Amino acid sequence: MTKAPAKKKTPARKKPSGLGRGLSSLLGEVEKEKPVAGPAPDDGAVQMLAVTAIAPHPDQPRRHFDEDALGELAKSIEARGVIQPLVVRPKGDGYELVAGERRWRAAQKARLHQIPVIVRDFDDAETLEIALVENIQREDLNAIEEAEAYKRLIDDFGHSQAALARLVHKSRSHVANLLRLLELPESVRTMVVEGIIDMGHARAIISAPDPGSLAQKIVDEGLSVRAAEALARDAKPSAKRSPAPERDADILALERRLGEALGVPVRIDHKGRGGSVRLDYATLDQLDMICLRLSGSSF
């Protein structure tokens, strides 16, 4: 009787923890690999796939691709081939891009039939997270696309601004400043995406009353960022603080008497027929003292 061969155990696939392993390890492996032909799906080796078998990721964070830059990359690919493989995952009868859409588009322009890839079996969440962070780290996004990528990483994956800054090797202030750009009207965000105004102009007019009209004025007059900042300052209405109303003398006297009796600061807010009394204490001992005095022990 022939003994059946033991089944090879397939190790459980670990999900990236906060993408620490998922992106840095993956991209590090891609950079070390050299293209080799042959079917080796999902084993980490580089293989050649038909360009037409790959579909772009529908939630790709990068929406704007500079045609001139793509043309230059296509010429480089015609001369030297695709130096760094794309990362794809199995999807239906073909494959879906995880990282490398710019190279994929340029390869089509260069009329390549096959392209080197690494196939990985990522799930939807991992695919989106890797696509977002890969684009940010490689500075492939414009300011608005980068801001939208940060927002998705916060909303969909629960990253804090501080964690994001560490993940993409940026300062926390950089992340916060970019997220503020999403407060701008869509028309102004479109100007940033299309390169009509830059991020400095956009940041200057975020808190202005009418960022849309200011952005158009910046374009029409060719204003510098410094001039845009001055324009935004001039557009803000001068806020005059109304003087605080004078407080009733009897209420102030009562506050002093209660404060002396209780040994802590007292604030009385009287409105109409009612109000509130606030007692401030600095230590738990003071709180115990207030409780004792209010209970009648020494008050």
C-alpha atoms as a PDB file:
ATOM      1  CA  MET A   1       0.000   0.000   0.000  1.00  0.00           C
ATOM      2  CA  THR A   2       1.453   3.293  -1.107  1.00  0.00           C
ATOM      3  CA  LYS A   3       1.377   6.030   1.493  1.00  0.00           C
ATOM      4  CA  ALA A   4      -0.257   9.209   0.243  1.00  0.00           C
ATOM      5  CA  PRO A   5       2.073  12.183   0.316  1.00  0.00           C
ATOM      6  CA  ALA A   6       1.412  14.602   3.131  1.00  0.00           C
ATOM      7  CA  LYS A   7      -0.354  17.755   2.139  1.00  0.00           C
ATOM      8  CA  LYS A   8       1.827  20.799   2.230  1.00  0.00           C
ATOM      9  CA  LYS A   9       0.492  23.277   4.737  1.00  0.00           C
ATOM     10  CA  THR A  10      -0.146  26.699   3.377  1.00  0.00           C
ATOM     11  CA  PRO A  11       0.923  29.310   5.934  1.00  0.00           C
ATOM     12  CA  ALA A  12      -1.800  31.733   6.928  1.00  0.00           C
ATOM     13  CA  ARG A  13      -1.334  35.059   5.263  1.00  0.00           C
ATOM     14  CA  LYS A  14      -0.799  37.867   7.734  1.00  0.00           C
ATOM     15  CA  LYS A  15      -2.431  41.180   7.055  1.00  0.00           C
ATOM     16  CA  PRO A  16      -0.110  44.176   7.175  1.00  0.00           C
ATOM     17  CA  SER A  17      -0.146  45.828  10.554  1.00  0.00           C
ATOM     18  CA  GLY A  18      -0.819  49.462   9.825  1.00  0.00           C
ATOM     19  CA  LEU A  19       0.871  48.759   6.489  1.00  0.00           C
ATOM     20  CA  GLY A  20       4.287  48.652   8.184  1.00  0.00           C
ATOM     21  CA  ARG A  21       5.188  45.356   6.525  1.00  0.00           C
ATOM     22  CA  GLY A  22       2.755  45.573   3.632  1.00  0.00           C
ATOM     23  CA  LEU A  23       4.367  48.500   1.832  1.00  0.00           C
ATOM     24  CA  SER A  24       7.977  48.847   2.958  1.00  0.00           C
ATOM     25  CA  SER A  25       8.721  45.147   2.630  1.00  0.00           C
ATOM     26  CA  LEU A  26       6.831  44.789  -0.631  1.00  0.00           C
ATOM     27  CA  LEU A  27       8.467  47.722  -2.375  1.00  0.00           C
ATOM     28  CA  GLY A  28      11.865  46.706  -1.030  1.00  0.00           C
ATOM     29  CA  GLU A  29      11.440  43.276  -2.597  1.00  0.00           C
ATOM     30  CA  VAL A  30      10.321  44.780  -5.886  1.00  0.00           C
ATOM     31  CA  GLU A  31      13.449  46.921  -6.103  1.00  0.00           C
ATOM     32  CA  LYS A  32      15.710  43.871  -5.568  1.00  0.00           C
ATOM     33  CA  GLU A  33      13.969  41.618  -8.114  1.00  0.00           C
ATOM     34  CA  LYS A  34      15.167  41.180 -11.685  1.00  0.00           C
ATOM     35  CA  PRO A  35      12.593  40.433 -14.416  1.00  0.00           C
ATOM     36  CA  VAL A  36      12.385  36.742 -15.303  1.00  0.00           C
ATOM     37  CA  ALA A  37       9.835  35.217 -17.623  1.00  0.00           C
ATOM     38  CA  GLY A  38       7.635  32.325 -16.578  1.00  0.00           C
ATOM     39  CA  PRO A  39       4.401  31.696 -14.718  1.00  0.00           C
ATOM     40  CA  ALA A  40       4.957  31.988 -10.995  1.00  0.00           C
ATOM     41  CA  PRO A  41       1.718  33.448  -9.661  1.00  0.00           C
ATOM     42  CA  ASP A  42       1.710  34.803  -6.123  1.00  0.00           C
ATOM     43  CA  ASP A  43       5.117  33.388  -5.143  1.00  0.00           C
ATOM     44  CA  GLY A  44       6.883  36.734  -4.982  1.00  0.00           C
ATOM     45  CA  ALA A  45       8.957  36.197  -8.131  1.00  0.00           C
ATOM     46  CA  VAL A  46       8.822  38.566 -11.062  1.00  0.00           C
ATOM     47  CA  GLN A  47       6.938  37.255 -14.071  1.00  0.00           C
ATOM     48  CA  MET A  48       5.842  38.629 -17.430  1.00  0.00           C
ATOM     49  CA  LEU A  49       2.158  39.403 -18.005  1.00  0.00           C
ATOM     50  CA  ALA A  50       0.301  40.679 -21.030  1.00  0.00           C
ATOM     51  CA  VAL A  51      -0.342  44.413 -20.674  1.00  0.00           C
ATOM     52  CA  THR A  52      -3.962  43.817 -21.727  1.00  0.00           C
ATOM     53  CA  ALA A  53      -4.464  41.320 -18.867  1.00  0.00           C
ATOM     54  CA  ILE A  54      -4.026  44.105 -16.290  1.00  0.00           C
ATOM     55  CA  ALA A  55      -6.791  46.515 -15.284  1.00  0.00           C
ATOM     56  CA  PRO A  56      -6.275  49.734 -13.275  1.00  0.00           C
ATOM     57  CA  HIS A  57      -7.501  49.962  -9.702  1.00  0.00           C
ATOM     58  CA  PRO A  58     -10.882  51.795  -9.689  1.00  0.00           C
ATOM     59  CA  ASP A  59      -9.989  53.668  -6.492  1.00  0.00           C
ATOM     60  CA  GLN A  60      -6.522  54.692  -7.649  1.00  0.00           C
ATOM     61  CA  PRO A  61      -5.727  57.897  -5.697  1.00  0.00           C
ATOM     62  CA  ARG A  62      -3.961  59.453  -8.659  1.00  0.00           C
ATOM     63  CA  ARG A  63      -6.433  60.959 -11.129  1.00  0.00           C
ATOM     64  CA  HIS A  64      -4.267  63.409 -13.070  1.00  0.00           C
ATOM     65  CA  PHE A  65      -1.495  62.026 -15.308  1.00  0.00           C
ATOM     66  CA  ASP A  66       0.736  64.514 -17.104  1.00  0.00           C
ATOM     67  CA  GLU A  67       0.763  63.457 -20.760  1.00  0.00           C
ATOM     68  CA  ASP A  68       4.186  64.996 -21.451  1.00  0.00           C
ATOM     69  CA  ALA A  69       5.724  63.144 -18.511  1.00  0.00           C
ATOM     70  CA  LEU A  70       4.056  59.915 -19.631  1.00  0.00           C
ATOM     71  CA  GLY A  71       5.468  60.435 -23.107  1.00  0.00           C
ATOM     72  CA  GLU A  72       8.988  60.835 -21.709  1.00  0.00           C
ATOM     73  CA  LEU A  73       8.584  57.681 -19.610  1.00  0.00           C
ATOM     74  CA  ALA A  74       7.268  55.788 -22.650  1.00  0.00           C
ATOM     75  CA  LYS A  75      10.409  56.758 -24.619  1.00  0.00           C
ATOM     76  CA  SER A  76      12.590  55.543 -21.741  1.00  0.00           C
ATOM     77  CA  ILE A  77      10.668  52.262 -21.650  1.00  0.00           C
ATOM     78  CA  GLU A  78      11.075  51.845 -25.418  1.00  0.00           C
ATOM     79  CA  ALA A  79      14.842  52.204 -24.981  1.00  0.00           C
ATOM     80  CA  ARG A  80      15.430  50.325 -21.723  1.00  0.00           C
ATOM     81  CA  GLY A  81      12.246  48.400 -20.932  1.00  0.00           C
ATOM     82  CA  VAL A  82      10.384  48.519 -17.618  1.00  0.00           C
ATOM     83  CA  ILE A  83      13.123  48.507 -14.982  1.00  0.00           C
ATOM     84  CA  GLN A  84      10.887  48.142 -11.921  1.00  0.00           C
ATOM     85  CA  PRO A  85       8.053  45.579 -11.977  1.00  0.00           C
ATOM     86  CA  LEU A  86       4.458  46.505 -11.285  1.00  0.00           C
ATOM     87  CA  VAL A  87       2.572  44.973  -8.372  1.00  0.00           C
ATOM     88  CA  VAL A  88      -0.746  43.320  -9.268  1.00  0.00           C
ATOM     89  CA  ARG A  89      -3.290  40.996  -7.690  1.00  0.00           C
ATOM     90  CA  PRO A  90      -5.519  38.333  -9.275  1.00  0.00           C
ATOM     91  CA  LYS A  91      -8.928  39.743 -10.161  1.00  0.00           C
ATOM     92  CA  GLY A  92     -11.544  37.788 -12.100  1.00  0.00           C
ATOM     93  CA  ASP A  93     -10.002  36.381 -15.277  1.00  0.00           C
ATOM     94  CA  GLY A  94      -7.104  38.829 -15.161  1.00  0.00           C
ATOM     95  CA  TYR A  95      -5.174  41.057 -12.792  1.00  0.00           C
ATOM     96  CA  GLU A  96      -5.692  44.405 -11.089  1.00  0.00           C
ATOM     97  CA  LEU A  97      -2.993  47.001 -10.450  1.00  0.00           C
ATOM     98  CA  VAL A  98      -1.871  47.555  -6.875  1.00  0.00           C
ATOM     99  CA  ALA A  99       1.136  49.794  -7.594  1.00  0.00           C
ATOM    100  CA  GLY A 100       2.655  51.159 -10.790  1.00  0.00           C
ATOM    101  CA  GLU A 101      -0.175  52.612 -12.902  1.00  0.00           C
ATOM    102  CA  ARG A 102       2.088  55.283 -14.403  1.00  0.00           C
ATOM    103  CA  ARG A 103       4.479  52.605 -15.678  1.00  0.00           C
ATOM    104  CA  TRP A 104       1.520  50.574 -16.989  1.00  0.00           C
ATOM    105  CA  ARG A 105       0.162  53.557 -18.931  1.00  0.00           C
ATOM    106  CA  ALA A 106       3.601  54.405 -20.310  1.00  0.00           C
ATOM    107  CA  ALA A 107       4.133  50.774 -21.350  1.00  0.00           C
ATOM    108  CA  GLN A 108       0.945  50.990 -23.409  1.00  0.00           C
ATOM    109  CA  LYS A 109       2.207  54.157 -25.058  1.00  0.00           C
ATOM    110  CA  ALA A 110       5.458  52.329 -25.805  1.00  0.00           C
ATOM    111  CA  ARG A 111       3.356  49.507 -27.370  1.00  0.00           C
ATOM    112  CA  LEU A 112       4.760  46.793 -25.155  1.00  0.00           C
ATOM    113  CA  HIS A 113       2.891  43.499 -25.257  1.00  0.00           C
ATOM    114  CA  GLN A 114       4.209  42.185 -21.928  1.00  0.00           C
ATOM    115  CA  ILE A 115       5.358  43.829 -18.727  1.00  0.00           C
ATOM    116  CA  PRO A 116       7.173  42.523 -15.612  1.00  0.00           C
ATOM    117  CA  VAL A 117       4.992  42.176 -12.516  1.00  0.00           C
ATOM    118  CA  ILE A 118       4.922  40.705  -9.049  1.00  0.00           C
ATOM    119  CA  VAL A 119       1.603  39.019  -8.234  1.00  0.00           C
ATOM    120  CA  ARG A 120       0.331  39.221  -4.670  1.00  0.00           C
ATOM    121  CA  ASP A 121      -3.000  38.064  -3.273  1.00  0.00           C
ATOM    122  CA  PHE A 122      -3.972  41.277  -1.454  1.00  0.00           C
ATOM    123  CA  ASP A 123      -7.531  41.875  -0.313  1.00  0.00           C
ATOM    124  CA  ASP A 124      -9.466  45.063  -1.163  1.00  0.00           C
ATOM    125  CA  ALA A 125      -8.421  46.974   1.967  1.00  0.00           C
ATOM    126  CA  GLU A 126      -4.734  46.095   1.598  1.00  0.00           C
ATOM    127  CA  THR A 127      -4.811  46.972  -2.098  1.00  0.00           C
ATOM    128  CA  LEU A 128      -6.247  50.418  -1.496  1.00  0.00           C
ATOM    129  CA  GLU A 129      -3.959  51.177   1.439  1.00  0.00           C
ATOM    130  CA  ILE A 130      -0.836  50.181  -0.481  1.00  0.00           C
ATOM    131  CA  ALA A 131      -1.925  52.184  -3.535  1.00  0.00           C
ATOM    132  CA  LEU A 132      -2.493  55.271  -1.384  1.00  0.00           C
ATOM    133  CA  VAL A 133       0.758  55.126   0.559  1.00  0.00           C
ATOM    134  CA  GLU A 134       2.882  54.085  -2.427  1.00  0.00           C
ATOM    135  CA  ASN A 135       1.752  57.145  -4.373  1.00  0.00           C
ATOM    136  CA  ILE A 136       2.343  59.450  -1.395  1.00  0.00           C
ATOM    137  CA  GLN A 137       5.824  58.124  -0.644  1.00  0.00           C
ATOM    138  CA  ARG A 138       6.882  58.439  -4.273  1.00  0.00           C
ATOM    139  CA  GLU A 139       5.394  61.943  -4.554  1.00  0.00           C
ATOM    140  CA  ASP A 140       3.308  60.877  -7.546  1.00  0.00           C
ATOM    141  CA  LEU A 141       0.264  62.871  -6.426  1.00  0.00           C
ATOM    142  CA  ASN A 142      -0.624  66.536  -6.683  1.00  0.00           C
ATOM    143  CA  ALA A 143      -1.472  68.342  -3.429  1.00  0.00           C
ATOM    144  CA  ILE A 144      -5.230  67.679  -3.619  1.00  0.00           C
ATOM    145  CA  GLU A 145      -4.814  64.008  -4.513  1.00  0.00           C
ATOM    146  CA  GLU A 146      -2.349  63.650  -1.644  1.00  0.00           C
ATOM    147  CA  ALA A 147      -4.783  65.345   0.745  1.00  0.00           C
ATOM    148  CA  GLU A 148      -7.603  63.038  -0.397  1.00  0.00           C
ATOM    149  CA  ALA A 149      -5.306  60.045   0.103  1.00  0.00           C
ATOM    150  CA  TYR A 150      -4.577  61.161   3.680  1.00  0.00           C
ATOM    151  CA  LYS A 151      -8.299  61.589   4.342  1.00  0.00           C
ATOM    152  CA  ARG A 152      -9.047  58.077   3.085  1.00  0.00           C
ATOM    153  CA  LEU A 153      -6.273  56.606   5.222  1.00  0.00           C
ATOM    154  CA  ILE A 154      -7.780  58.380   8.243  1.00  0.00           C
ATOM    155  CA  ASP A 155     -11.439  57.628   7.462  1.00  0.00           C
ATOM    156  CA  ASP A 156     -11.124  54.083   6.077  1.00  0.00           C
ATOM    157  CA  PHE A 157      -8.171  52.724   8.043  1.00  0.00           C
ATOM    158  CA  GLY A 158      -8.215  54.722  11.282  1.00  0.00           C
ATOM    159  CA  HIS A 159      -4.732  56.223  10.979  1.00  0.00           C
ATOM    160  CA  SER A 160      -4.077  59.318  13.101  1.00  0.00           C
ATOM    161  CA  GLN A 161      -2.273  62.311  11.603  1.00  0.00           C
ATOM    162  CA  ALA A 162       0.820  61.473  13.662  1.00  0.00           C
ATOM    163  CA  ALA A 163       0.784  57.828  12.516  1.00  0.00           C
ATOM    164  CA  LEU A 164       0.312  58.924   8.897  1.00  0.00           C
ATOM    165  CA  ALA A 165       3.269  61.278   9.123  1.00  0.00           C
ATOM    166  CA  ARG A 166       5.510  58.425  10.299  1.00  0.00           C
ATOM    167  CA  LEU A 167       4.102  56.036   7.691  1.00  0.00           C
ATOM    168  CA  VAL A 168       4.802  58.280   4.701  1.00  0.00           C
ATOM    169  CA  HIS A 169       7.934  59.952   6.102  1.00  0.00           C
ATOM    170  CA  LYS A 170       6.419  63.440   6.189  1.00  0.00           C
ATOM    171  CA  SER A 171       6.054  65.950   9.017  1.00  0.00           C
ATOM    172  CA  ARG A 172       2.795  66.066  10.940  1.00  0.00           C
ATOM    173  CA  SER A 173       2.350  69.720   9.956  1.00  0.00           C
ATOM    174  CA  HIS A 174       2.667  68.727   6.278  1.00  0.00           C
ATOM    175  CA  VAL A 175      -0.173  66.224   6.697  1.00  0.00           C
ATOM    176  CA  ALA A 176      -2.340  68.729   8.595  1.00  0.00           C
ATOM    177  CA  ASN A 177      -1.734  71.528   6.062  1.00  0.00           C
ATOM    178  CA  LEU A 178      -2.664  69.305   3.145  1.00  0.00           C
ATOM    179  CA  LEU A 179      -5.845  68.085   4.831  1.00  0.00           C
ATOM    180  CA  ARG A 180      -6.926  71.716   5.214  1.00  0.00           C
ATOM    181  CA  LEU A 181      -6.877  72.078   1.418  1.00  0.00           C
ATOM    182  CA  LEU A 182      -9.984  69.903   1.299  1.00  0.00           C
ATOM    183  CA  GLU A 183     -11.895  72.775   2.922  1.00  0.00           C
ATOM    184  CA  LEU A 184     -11.525  74.758  -0.318  1.00  0.00           C
ATOM    185  CA  PRO A 185     -14.358  74.942  -2.880  1.00  0.00           C
ATOM    186  CA  GLU A 186     -14.206  72.371  -5.660  1.00  0.00           C
ATOM    187  CA  SER A 187     -13.368  75.035  -8.252  1.00  0.00           C
ATOM    188  CA  VAL A 188     -10.216  76.016  -6.332  1.00  0.00           C
ATOM    189  CA  ARG A 189      -9.222  72.380  -5.744  1.00  0.00           C
ATOM    190  CA  THR A 190      -9.507  71.818  -9.502  1.00  0.00           C
ATOM    191  CA  MET A 191      -7.130  74.746 -10.101  1.00  0.00           C
ATOM    192  CA  VAL A 192      -4.571  73.068  -7.843  1.00  0.00           C
ATOM    193  CA  VAL A 193      -4.991  69.691  -9.574  1.00  0.00           C
ATOM    194  CA  GLU A 194      -4.503  71.288 -12.994  1.00  0.00           C
ATOM    195  CA  GLY A 195      -1.496  73.317 -11.825  1.00  0.00           C
ATOM    196  CA  ILE A 196      -3.195  76.676 -12.426  1.00  0.00           C
ATOM    197  CA  ILE A 197      -2.344  77.713  -8.863  1.00  0.00           C
ATOM    198  CA  ASP A 198       0.036  75.954  -6.497  1.00  0.00           C
ATOM    199  CA  MET A 199      -0.399  74.704  -2.957  1.00  0.00           C
ATOM    200  CA  GLY A 200       1.029  77.923  -1.469  1.00  0.00           C
ATOM    201  CA  HIS A 201      -1.665  80.007  -3.173  1.00  0.00           C
ATOM    202  CA  ALA A 202      -4.367  77.583  -2.046  1.00  0.00           C
ATOM    203  CA  ARG A 203      -3.196  77.599   1.571  1.00  0.00           C
ATOM    204  CA  ALA A 204      -3.131  81.405   1.590  1.00  0.00           C
ATOM    205  CA  ILE A 205      -6.840  81.731   0.759  1.00  0.00           C
ATOM    206  CA  ILE A 206      -8.329  78.820   2.745  1.00  0.00           C
ATOM    207  CA  SER A 207      -9.750  81.002   5.510  1.00  0.00           C
ATOM    208  CA  ALA A 208     -10.772  83.909   3.250  1.00  0.00           C
ATOM    209  CA  PRO A 209     -14.502  84.722   2.891  1.00  0.00           C
ATOM    210  CA  ASP A 210     -14.607  83.896  -0.852  1.00  0.00           C
ATOM    211  CA  PRO A 211     -11.666  81.657  -1.858  1.00  0.00           C
ATOM    212  CA  GLY A 212     -13.103  81.112  -5.349  1.00  0.00           C
ATOM    213  CA  SER A 213     -13.016  84.755  -6.383  1.00  0.00           C
ATOM    214  CA  LEU A 214      -9.592  85.250  -4.770  1.00  0.00           C
ATOM    215  CA  ALA A 215      -8.204  82.259  -6.666  1.00  0.00           C
ATOM    216  CA  GLN A 216      -9.450  83.725  -9.946  1.00  0.00           C
ATOM    217  CA  LYS A 217      -7.883  87.087  -9.064  1.00  0.00           C
ATOM    218  CA  ILE A 218      -4.577  85.323  -8.345  1.00  0.00           C
ATOM    219  CA  VAL A 219      -4.713  83.707 -11.796  1.00  0.00           C
ATOM    220  CA  ASP A 220      -5.829  86.853 -13.644  1.00  0.00           C
ATOM    221  CA  GLU A 221      -3.137  89.043 -12.082  1.00  0.00           C
ATOM    222  CA  GLY A 222      -0.406  86.381 -11.848  1.00  0.00           C
ATOM    223  CA  LEU A 223       0.050  87.009  -8.120  1.00  0.00           C
ATOM    224  CA  SER A 224       2.847  85.446  -6.093  1.00  0.00           C
ATOM    225  CA  VAL A 225       2.118  83.452  -2.955  1.00  0.00           C
ATOM    226  CA  ARG A 226       3.145  86.406  -0.779  1.00  0.00           C
ATOM    227  CA  ALA A 227       0.784  88.689  -2.696  1.00  0.00           C
ATOM    228  CA  ALA A 228      -1.971  86.075  -2.334  1.00  0.00           C
ATOM    229  CA  GLU A 229      -1.445  86.055   1.441  1.00  0.00           C
ATOM    230  CA  ALA A 230      -1.791  89.849   1.542  1.00  0.00           C
ATOM    231  CA  LEU A 231      -4.906  89.632  -0.651  1.00  0.00           C
ATOM    232  CA  ALA A 232      -6.470  87.104   1.719  1.00  0.00           C
ATOM    233  CA  ARG A 233      -5.674  89.271   4.760  1.00  0.00           C
ATOM    234  CA  ASP A 234      -7.291  92.307   3.142  1.00  0.00           C
ATOM    235  CA  ALA A 235     -10.395  90.267   2.290  1.00  0.00           C
ATOM    236  CA  LYS A 236     -11.067  89.319   5.906  1.00  0.00           C
ATOM    237  CA  PRO A 237     -13.559  91.617   7.659  1.00  0.00           C
ATOM    238  CA  SER A 238     -12.037  93.414  10.618  1.00  0.00           C
ATOM    239  CA  ALA A 239     -13.605  91.831  13.663  1.00  0.00           C
ATOM    240  CA  LYS A 240     -14.401  94.304  16.399  1.00  0.00           C
ATOM    241  CA  ARG A 241     -14.840  92.713  19.765  1.00  0.00           C
ATOM    242  CA  SER A 242     -17.845  94.007  21.635  1.00  0.00           C
ATOM    243  CA  PRO A 243     -16.878  95.012  25.156  1.00  0.00           C
ATOM    244  CA  ALA A 244     -17.865  92.570  27.868  1.00  0.00           C
ATOM    245  CA  PRO A 245     -20.993  93.737  29.697  1.00  0.00           C
ATOM    246  CA  GLU A 246     -20.433  95.116  33.188  1.00  0.00           C
ATOM    247  CA  ARG A 247     -21.376  92.648  35.900  1.00  0.00           C
ATOM    248  CA  ASP A 248     -23.852  93.428  38.651  1.00  0.00           C
ATOM    249  CA  ALA A 249     -22.177  94.787  41.796  1.00  0.00           C
ATOM    250  CA  ASP A 250     -24.406  92.704  44.103  1.00  0.00           C
ATOM    251  CA  ILE A 251     -23.468  89.493  42.255  1.00  0.00           C
ATOM    252  CA  LEU A 252     -19.763  90.366  42.514  1.00  0.00           C
ATOM    253  CA  ALA A 253     -20.129  91.006  46.263  1.00  0.00           C
ATOM    254  CA  LEU A 254     -21.907  87.679  46.738  1.00  0.00           C
ATOM    255  CA  GLU A 255     -19.122  85.901  44.823  1.00  0.00           C
ATOM    256  CA  ARG A 256     -16.535  87.411  47.171  1.00  0.00           C
ATOM    257  CA  ARG A 257     -18.489  86.393  50.306  1.00  0.00           C
ATOM    258  CA  LEU A 258     -18.989  82.812  49.097  1.00  0.00           C
ATOM    259  CA  GLY A 259     -15.361  82.570  47.989  1.00  0.00           C
ATOM    260  CA  GLU A 260     -14.128  83.676  51.414  1.00  0.00           C
ATOM    261  CA  ALA A 261     -16.471  81.264  53.182  1.00  0.00           C
ATOM    262  CA  LEU A 262     -15.576  78.266  51.010  1.00  0.00           C
ATOM    263  CA  GLY A 263     -11.899  79.095  50.484  1.00  0.00           C
ATOM    264  CA  VAL A 264     -12.033  78.682  46.685  1.00  0.00           C
ATOM    265  CA  PRO A 265     -12.835  80.958  43.709  1.00  0.00           C
ATOM    266  CA  VAL A 266     -16.570  81.272  43.013  1.00  0.00           C
ATOM    267  CA  ARG A 267     -18.326  82.387  39.814  1.00  0.00           C
ATOM    268  CA  ILE A 268     -22.055  83.207  39.701  1.00  0.00           C
ATOM    269  CA  ASP A 269     -23.801  83.508  36.339  1.00  0.00           C
ATOM    270  CA  HIS A 270     -27.248  84.974  36.906  1.00  0.00           C
ATOM    271  CA  LYS A 271     -29.677  85.209  33.986  1.00  0.00           C
ATOM    272  CA  GLY A 272     -33.263  86.318  34.444  1.00  0.00           C
ATOM    273  CA  ARG A 273     -34.782  84.338  37.289  1.00  0.00           C
ATOM    274  CA  GLY A 274     -32.078  81.670  37.527  1.00  0.00           C
ATOM    275  CA  GLY A 275     -28.437  80.923  36.890  1.00  0.00           C
ATOM    276  CA  SER A 276     -25.489  78.791  37.953  1.00  0.00           C
ATOM    277  CA  VAL A 277     -22.742  78.775  40.573  1.00  0.00           C
ATOM    278  CA  ARG A 278     -19.252  77.505  39.701  1.00  0.00           C
ATOM    279  CA  LEU A 279     -16.638  76.493  42.280  1.00  0.00           C
ATOM    280  CA  ASP A 280     -13.018  75.969  41.213  1.00  0.00           C
ATOM    281  CA  TYR A 281     -10.672  73.743  43.222  1.00  0.00           C
ATOM    282  CA  ALA A 282      -7.031  72.887  42.625  1.00  0.00           C
ATOM    283  CA  THR A 283      -6.620  69.691  44.684  1.00  0.00           C
ATOM    284  CA  LEU A 284      -8.720  66.841  46.053  1.00  0.00           C
ATOM    285  CA  ASP A 285      -8.097  68.222  49.542  1.00  0.00           C
ATOM    286  CA  GLN A 286      -9.817  71.444  48.497  1.00  0.00           C
ATOM    287  CA  LEU A 287     -12.736  69.437  47.119  1.00  0.00           C
ATOM    288  CA  ASP A 288     -13.066  67.571  50.431  1.00  0.00           C
ATOM    289  CA  MET A 289     -13.036  70.908  52.237  1.00  0.00           C
ATOM    290  CA  ILE A 290     -15.805  72.281  49.995  1.00  0.00           C
ATOM    291  CA  CYS A 291     -17.928  69.174  50.615  1.00  0.00           C
ATOM    292  CA  LEU A 292     -17.466  69.462  54.384  1.00  0.00           C
ATOM    293  CA  ARG A 293     -18.409  73.147  54.421  1.00  0.00           C
ATOM    294  CA  LEU A 294     -21.423  72.713  52.156  1.00  0.00           C
ATOM    295  CA  SER A 295     -22.655  69.823  54.331  1.00  0.00           C
ATOM    296  CA  GLY A 296     -22.760  72.209  57.324  1.00  0.00           C
ATOM    297  CA  SER A 297     -19.685  71.060  59.259  1.00  0.00           C
ATOM    298  CA  SER A 298     -18.108  74.515  59.336  1.00  0.00           C
ATOM    299  CA  PHE A 299     -20.167  76.697  57.008  1.00  0.00           C
END
